[in-house]
């Protein structure tokens, strides 16, 4: 019998690599256009298109290499959750995967617009990111992004006041 954790890890690795290549390629192509917007705007638009499940199939259809996996790109967080909930996953793998999930969701959250029809999705995603951050801080996982987001989310004049409240 095959170890399903190894298979999950391989799928996640393939999807991560594919996603990175697709995003880098699309950003490069869009930067070459005449009257191209600033790089930050291009990156946000590409991230939005890659993660929007309704647009993934048409967006990635042009990339033949990823034809078998293109419909799974937007499901990468689901695969991360599968790895984290796998019974034979070691703690370090769970922590690393949780860090990847936080970064993935944070990147998508940053790409979503603050107005329009995706505001509800942005609010839901913000809650998910905050739950991930709170869980990582509660377990005292040494993840710099989680701690920065945790501290940034507090309404304190100084870090000293915040530490006194939470200690």
C-alpha atoms as a PDB file:
ATOM      1  CA  UNK A   1       0.000   0.000   0.000  1.00  0.00           C
ATOM      2  CA  UNK A   2       1.295   3.456  -0.878  1.00  0.00           C
ATOM      3  CA  UNK A   3       1.838   6.125   1.711  1.00  0.00           C
ATOM      4  CA  UNK A   4      -0.791   8.742   0.912  1.00  0.00           C
ATOM      5  CA  UNK A   5       1.219  11.460   2.666  1.00  0.00           C
ATOM      6  CA  UNK A   6       4.069  11.094   0.155  1.00  0.00           C
ATOM      7  CA  UNK A   7       1.576  11.339  -2.692  1.00  0.00           C
ATOM      8  CA  UNK A   8      -0.003  14.454  -1.163  1.00  0.00           C
ATOM      9  CA  UNK A   9       3.411  16.048  -0.721  1.00  0.00           C
ATOM     10  CA  UNK A  10       4.285  15.328  -4.354  1.00  0.00           C
ATOM     11  CA  UNK A  11       0.998  16.825  -5.589  1.00  0.00           C
ATOM     12  CA  UNK A  12       1.540  19.933  -3.470  1.00  0.00           C
ATOM     13  CA  UNK A  13       5.093  20.265  -4.755  1.00  0.00           C
ATOM     14  CA  UNK A  14       3.976  19.989  -8.391  1.00  0.00           C
ATOM     15  CA  UNK A  15       1.168  22.483  -7.901  1.00  0.00           C
ATOM     16  CA  UNK A  16       3.411  24.984  -6.105  1.00  0.00           C
ATOM     17  CA  UNK A  17       6.037  24.769  -8.837  1.00  0.00           C
ATOM     18  CA  UNK A  18       3.440  25.057 -11.561  1.00  0.00           C
ATOM     19  CA  UNK A  19       1.757  28.006  -9.902  1.00  0.00           C
ATOM     20  CA  UNK A  20       5.048  29.854  -9.468  1.00  0.00           C
ATOM     21  CA  UNK A  21       6.013  29.269 -13.097  1.00  0.00           C
ATOM     22  CA  UNK A  22       2.629  30.329 -14.438  1.00  0.00           C
ATOM     23  CA  UNK A  23       2.577  33.496 -12.341  1.00  0.00           C
ATOM     24  CA  UNK A  24       6.161  34.450 -13.226  1.00  0.00           C
ATOM     25  CA  UNK A  25       5.544  33.803 -16.916  1.00  0.00           C
ATOM     26  CA  UNK A  26       2.322  35.801 -17.016  1.00  0.00           C
ATOM     27  CA  UNK A  27       3.852  38.740 -15.128  1.00  0.00           C
ATOM     28  CA  UNK A  28       6.792  38.747 -17.528  1.00  0.00           C
ATOM     29  CA  UNK A  29       4.468  38.695 -20.550  1.00  0.00           C
ATOM     30  CA  UNK A  30       2.289  41.504 -19.233  1.00  0.00           C
ATOM     31  CA  UNK A  31       5.262  43.713 -18.377  1.00  0.00           C
ATOM     32  CA  UNK A  32       6.321  43.610 -22.045  1.00  0.00           C
ATOM     33  CA  UNK A  33       3.072  45.188 -23.241  1.00  0.00           C
ATOM     34  CA  UNK A  34       2.917  48.789 -24.345  1.00  0.00           C
ATOM     35  CA  UNK A  35       1.381  51.079 -21.734  1.00  0.00           C
ATOM     36  CA  UNK A  36       1.703  48.355 -19.108  1.00  0.00           C
ATOM     37  CA  UNK A  37       0.618  49.377 -15.607  1.00  0.00           C
ATOM     38  CA  UNK A  38       3.109  49.352 -12.708  1.00  0.00           C
ATOM     39  CA  UNK A  39       4.565  45.991 -11.712  1.00  0.00           C
ATOM     40  CA  UNK A  40       2.632  45.893  -8.430  1.00  0.00           C
ATOM     41  CA  UNK A  41      -0.661  46.276 -10.262  1.00  0.00           C
ATOM     42  CA  UNK A  42       0.273  43.564 -12.758  1.00  0.00           C
ATOM     43  CA  UNK A  43       1.197  41.200  -9.935  1.00  0.00           C
ATOM     44  CA  UNK A  44      -2.100  41.815  -8.111  1.00  0.00           C
ATOM     45  CA  UNK A  45      -4.097  41.211 -11.290  1.00  0.00           C
ATOM     46  CA  UNK A  46      -2.242  37.985 -12.079  1.00  0.00           C
ATOM     47  CA  UNK A  47      -2.683  36.719  -8.516  1.00  0.00           C
ATOM     48  CA  UNK A  48      -6.377  37.575  -8.682  1.00  0.00           C
ATOM     49  CA  UNK A  49      -6.787  35.671 -11.931  1.00  0.00           C
ATOM     50  CA  UNK A  50      -4.797  32.656 -10.807  1.00  0.00           C
ATOM     51  CA  UNK A  51      -6.730  32.308  -7.559  1.00  0.00           C
ATOM     52  CA  UNK A  52     -10.205  33.153  -8.797  1.00  0.00           C
ATOM     53  CA  UNK A  53     -11.679  29.706  -9.299  1.00  0.00           C
ATOM     54  CA  UNK A  54     -14.033  30.847 -12.030  1.00  0.00           C
ATOM     55  CA  UNK A  55     -11.136  32.123 -14.142  1.00  0.00           C
ATOM     56  CA  UNK A  56      -8.472  29.500 -13.500  1.00  0.00           C
ATOM     57  CA  UNK A  57      -9.455  27.119 -16.249  1.00  0.00           C
ATOM     58  CA  UNK A  58      -9.417  29.738 -18.996  1.00  0.00           C
ATOM     59  CA  UNK A  59      -6.334  31.472 -17.603  1.00  0.00           C
ATOM     60  CA  UNK A  60      -4.210  28.334 -17.460  1.00  0.00           C
ATOM     61  CA  UNK A  61      -5.504  26.607 -20.570  1.00  0.00           C
ATOM     62  CA  UNK A  62      -2.705  28.240 -22.563  1.00  0.00           C
ATOM     63  CA  UNK A  63      -0.058  26.418 -20.576  1.00  0.00           C
ATOM     64  CA  UNK A  64       0.011  22.877 -21.937  1.00  0.00           C
ATOM     65  CA  UNK A  65       2.522  21.640 -19.409  1.00  0.00           C
ATOM     66  CA  UNK A  66       0.016  22.190 -16.619  1.00  0.00           C
ATOM     67  CA  UNK A  67      -2.998  20.830 -18.451  1.00  0.00           C
ATOM     68  CA  UNK A  68      -3.363  17.908 -16.062  1.00  0.00           C
ATOM     69  CA  UNK A  69      -3.132  20.042 -12.931  1.00  0.00           C
ATOM     70  CA  UNK A  70      -4.555  23.438 -13.888  1.00  0.00           C
ATOM     71  CA  UNK A  71      -7.906  22.802 -12.252  1.00  0.00           C
ATOM     72  CA  UNK A  72      -6.129  22.122  -8.941  1.00  0.00           C
ATOM     73  CA  UNK A  73      -4.182  25.396  -8.641  1.00  0.00           C
ATOM     74  CA  UNK A  74      -6.987  27.167  -6.880  1.00  0.00           C
ATOM     75  CA  UNK A  75      -7.364  24.115  -4.649  1.00  0.00           C
ATOM     76  CA  UNK A  76      -3.829  24.353  -3.296  1.00  0.00           C
ATOM     77  CA  UNK A  77      -5.124  25.476   0.135  1.00  0.00           C
ATOM     78  CA  UNK A  78      -7.286  22.342   0.226  1.00  0.00           C
ATOM     79  CA  UNK A  79      -4.217  20.207  -0.416  1.00  0.00           C
ATOM     80  CA  UNK A  80      -2.343  22.106   2.302  1.00  0.00           C
ATOM     81  CA  UNK A  81      -5.186  21.305   4.706  1.00  0.00           C
ATOM     82  CA  UNK A  82      -5.063  17.650   3.656  1.00  0.00           C
ATOM     83  CA  UNK A  83      -1.351  17.489   4.468  1.00  0.00           C
ATOM     84  CA  UNK A  84      -1.844  19.217   7.827  1.00  0.00           C
ATOM     85  CA  UNK A  85      -4.685  16.881   8.817  1.00  0.00           C
ATOM     86  CA  UNK A  86      -2.963  13.693   7.624  1.00  0.00           C
ATOM     87  CA  UNK A  87      -2.543  11.300  10.573  1.00  0.00           C
ATOM     88  CA  UNK A  88       1.054  10.372   9.736  1.00  0.00           C
ATOM     89  CA  UNK A  89       2.300  13.910   9.063  1.00  0.00           C
ATOM     90  CA  UNK A  90       5.116  14.891  11.435  1.00  0.00           C
ATOM     91  CA  UNK A  91       4.778  18.123  13.397  1.00  0.00           C
ATOM     92  CA  UNK A  92       7.479  19.944  11.426  1.00  0.00           C
ATOM     93  CA  UNK A  93       5.724  19.171   8.130  1.00  0.00           C
ATOM     94  CA  UNK A  94       2.450  20.443   9.594  1.00  0.00           C
ATOM     95  CA  UNK A  95       4.107  23.685  10.713  1.00  0.00           C
ATOM     96  CA  UNK A  96       5.821  24.213   7.357  1.00  0.00           C
ATOM     97  CA  UNK A  97       2.582  23.544   5.504  1.00  0.00           C
ATOM     98  CA  UNK A  98       0.678  25.891   7.796  1.00  0.00           C
ATOM     99  CA  UNK A  99       3.238  28.605   7.025  1.00  0.00           C
ATOM    100  CA  UNK A 100       2.781  28.008   3.294  1.00  0.00           C
ATOM    101  CA  UNK A 101      -0.995  28.178   3.692  1.00  0.00           C
ATOM    102  CA  UNK A 102      -0.716  31.476   5.579  1.00  0.00           C
ATOM    103  CA  UNK A 103       1.481  32.986   2.865  1.00  0.00           C
ATOM    104  CA  UNK A 104      -0.775  31.688   0.107  1.00  0.00           C
ATOM    105  CA  UNK A 105      -3.926  33.123   1.645  1.00  0.00           C
ATOM    106  CA  UNK A 106      -2.177  36.362   2.583  1.00  0.00           C
ATOM    107  CA  UNK A 107      -1.000  36.843  -1.004  1.00  0.00           C
ATOM    108  CA  UNK A 108      -4.500  36.252  -2.336  1.00  0.00           C
ATOM    109  CA  UNK A 109      -5.956  38.624   0.273  1.00  0.00           C
ATOM    110  CA  UNK A 110      -3.534  41.347  -0.814  1.00  0.00           C
ATOM    111  CA  UNK A 111      -4.481  40.810  -4.470  1.00  0.00           C
ATOM    112  CA  UNK A 112      -8.234  41.191  -3.969  1.00  0.00           C
ATOM    113  CA  UNK A 113      -9.730  44.637  -4.531  1.00  0.00           C
ATOM    114  CA  UNK A 114     -11.272  46.541  -1.630  1.00  0.00           C
ATOM    115  CA  UNK A 115     -14.335  47.494  -3.662  1.00  0.00           C
ATOM    116  CA  UNK A 116     -16.679  45.659  -5.956  1.00  0.00           C
ATOM    117  CA  UNK A 117     -18.200  42.215  -5.888  1.00  0.00           C
ATOM    118  CA  UNK A 118     -15.221  40.518  -4.221  1.00  0.00           C
ATOM    119  CA  UNK A 119     -15.471  42.433  -0.930  1.00  0.00           C
ATOM    120  CA  UNK A 120     -17.330  39.563   0.735  1.00  0.00           C
ATOM    121  CA  UNK A 121     -14.640  37.112  -0.374  1.00  0.00           C
ATOM    122  CA  UNK A 122     -11.961  39.487   0.925  1.00  0.00           C
ATOM    123  CA  UNK A 123     -13.666  39.694   4.346  1.00  0.00           C
ATOM    124  CA  UNK A 124     -13.970  35.906   4.541  1.00  0.00           C
ATOM    125  CA  UNK A 125     -10.338  35.473   3.554  1.00  0.00           C
ATOM    126  CA  UNK A 126      -9.250  38.089   6.111  1.00  0.00           C
ATOM    127  CA  UNK A 127     -11.003  36.101   8.836  1.00  0.00           C
ATOM    128  CA  UNK A 128      -9.289  32.900   7.671  1.00  0.00           C
ATOM    129  CA  UNK A 129      -5.888  34.604   7.704  1.00  0.00           C
ATOM    130  CA  UNK A 130      -6.565  35.989  11.188  1.00  0.00           C
ATOM    131  CA  UNK A 131      -7.566  32.526  12.446  1.00  0.00           C
ATOM    132  CA  UNK A 132      -4.342  31.039  11.053  1.00  0.00           C
ATOM    133  CA  UNK A 133      -2.290  33.806  12.661  1.00  0.00           C
ATOM    134  CA  UNK A 134      -4.053  33.422  16.022  1.00  0.00           C
ATOM    135  CA  UNK A 135      -3.522  29.666  16.004  1.00  0.00           C
ATOM    136  CA  UNK A 136       0.156  29.979  15.155  1.00  0.00           C
ATOM    137  CA  UNK A 137       0.725  32.596  17.858  1.00  0.00           C
ATOM    138  CA  UNK A 138      -1.246  30.583  20.408  1.00  0.00           C
ATOM    139  CA  UNK A 139       0.989  27.573  19.744  1.00  0.00           C
ATOM    140  CA  UNK A 140       4.045  29.888  19.776  1.00  0.00           C
ATOM    141  CA  UNK A 141       5.192  28.752  16.347  1.00  0.00           C
ATOM    142  CA  UNK A 142       8.269  30.771  15.314  1.00  0.00           C
ATOM    143  CA  UNK A 143       6.856  32.120  12.042  1.00  0.00           C
ATOM    144  CA  UNK A 144       7.886  35.717  11.424  1.00  0.00           C
ATOM    145  CA  UNK A 145       4.935  36.578   9.165  1.00  0.00           C
ATOM    146  CA  UNK A 146       2.399  35.227  11.655  1.00  0.00           C
ATOM    147  CA  UNK A 147       3.897  37.236  14.493  1.00  0.00           C
ATOM    148  CA  UNK A 148       4.145  40.397  12.383  1.00  0.00           C
ATOM    149  CA  UNK A 149       0.503  40.081  11.354  1.00  0.00           C
ATOM    150  CA  UNK A 150      -0.462  39.414  14.964  1.00  0.00           C
ATOM    151  CA  UNK A 151       1.360  42.486  16.244  1.00  0.00           C
ATOM    152  CA  UNK A 152       0.118  44.656  13.359  1.00  0.00           C
ATOM    153  CA  UNK A 153      -3.434  43.639  14.210  1.00  0.00           C
ATOM    154  CA  UNK A 154      -3.221  44.948  17.761  1.00  0.00           C
ATOM    155  CA  UNK A 155      -4.318  48.438  18.700  1.00  0.00           C
ATOM    156  CA  UNK A 156      -1.568  49.470  21.112  1.00  0.00           C
ATOM    157  CA  UNK A 157       0.567  52.548  21.315  1.00  0.00           C
ATOM    158  CA  UNK A 158       3.662  50.561  22.238  1.00  0.00           C
ATOM    159  CA  UNK A 159       4.703  46.944  22.088  1.00  0.00           C
ATOM    160  CA  UNK A 160       5.321  47.067  25.844  1.00  0.00           C
ATOM    161  CA  UNK A 161       1.631  47.627  26.587  1.00  0.00           C
ATOM    162  CA  UNK A 162       0.669  44.753  24.323  1.00  0.00           C
ATOM    163  CA  UNK A 163       3.131  42.368  25.955  1.00  0.00           C
ATOM    164  CA  UNK A 164       1.870  43.301  29.424  1.00  0.00           C
ATOM    165  CA  UNK A 165      -1.713  42.548  28.363  1.00  0.00           C
ATOM    166  CA  UNK A 166      -0.912  39.146  26.839  1.00  0.00           C
ATOM    167  CA  UNK A 167       1.586  37.873  29.419  1.00  0.00           C
END
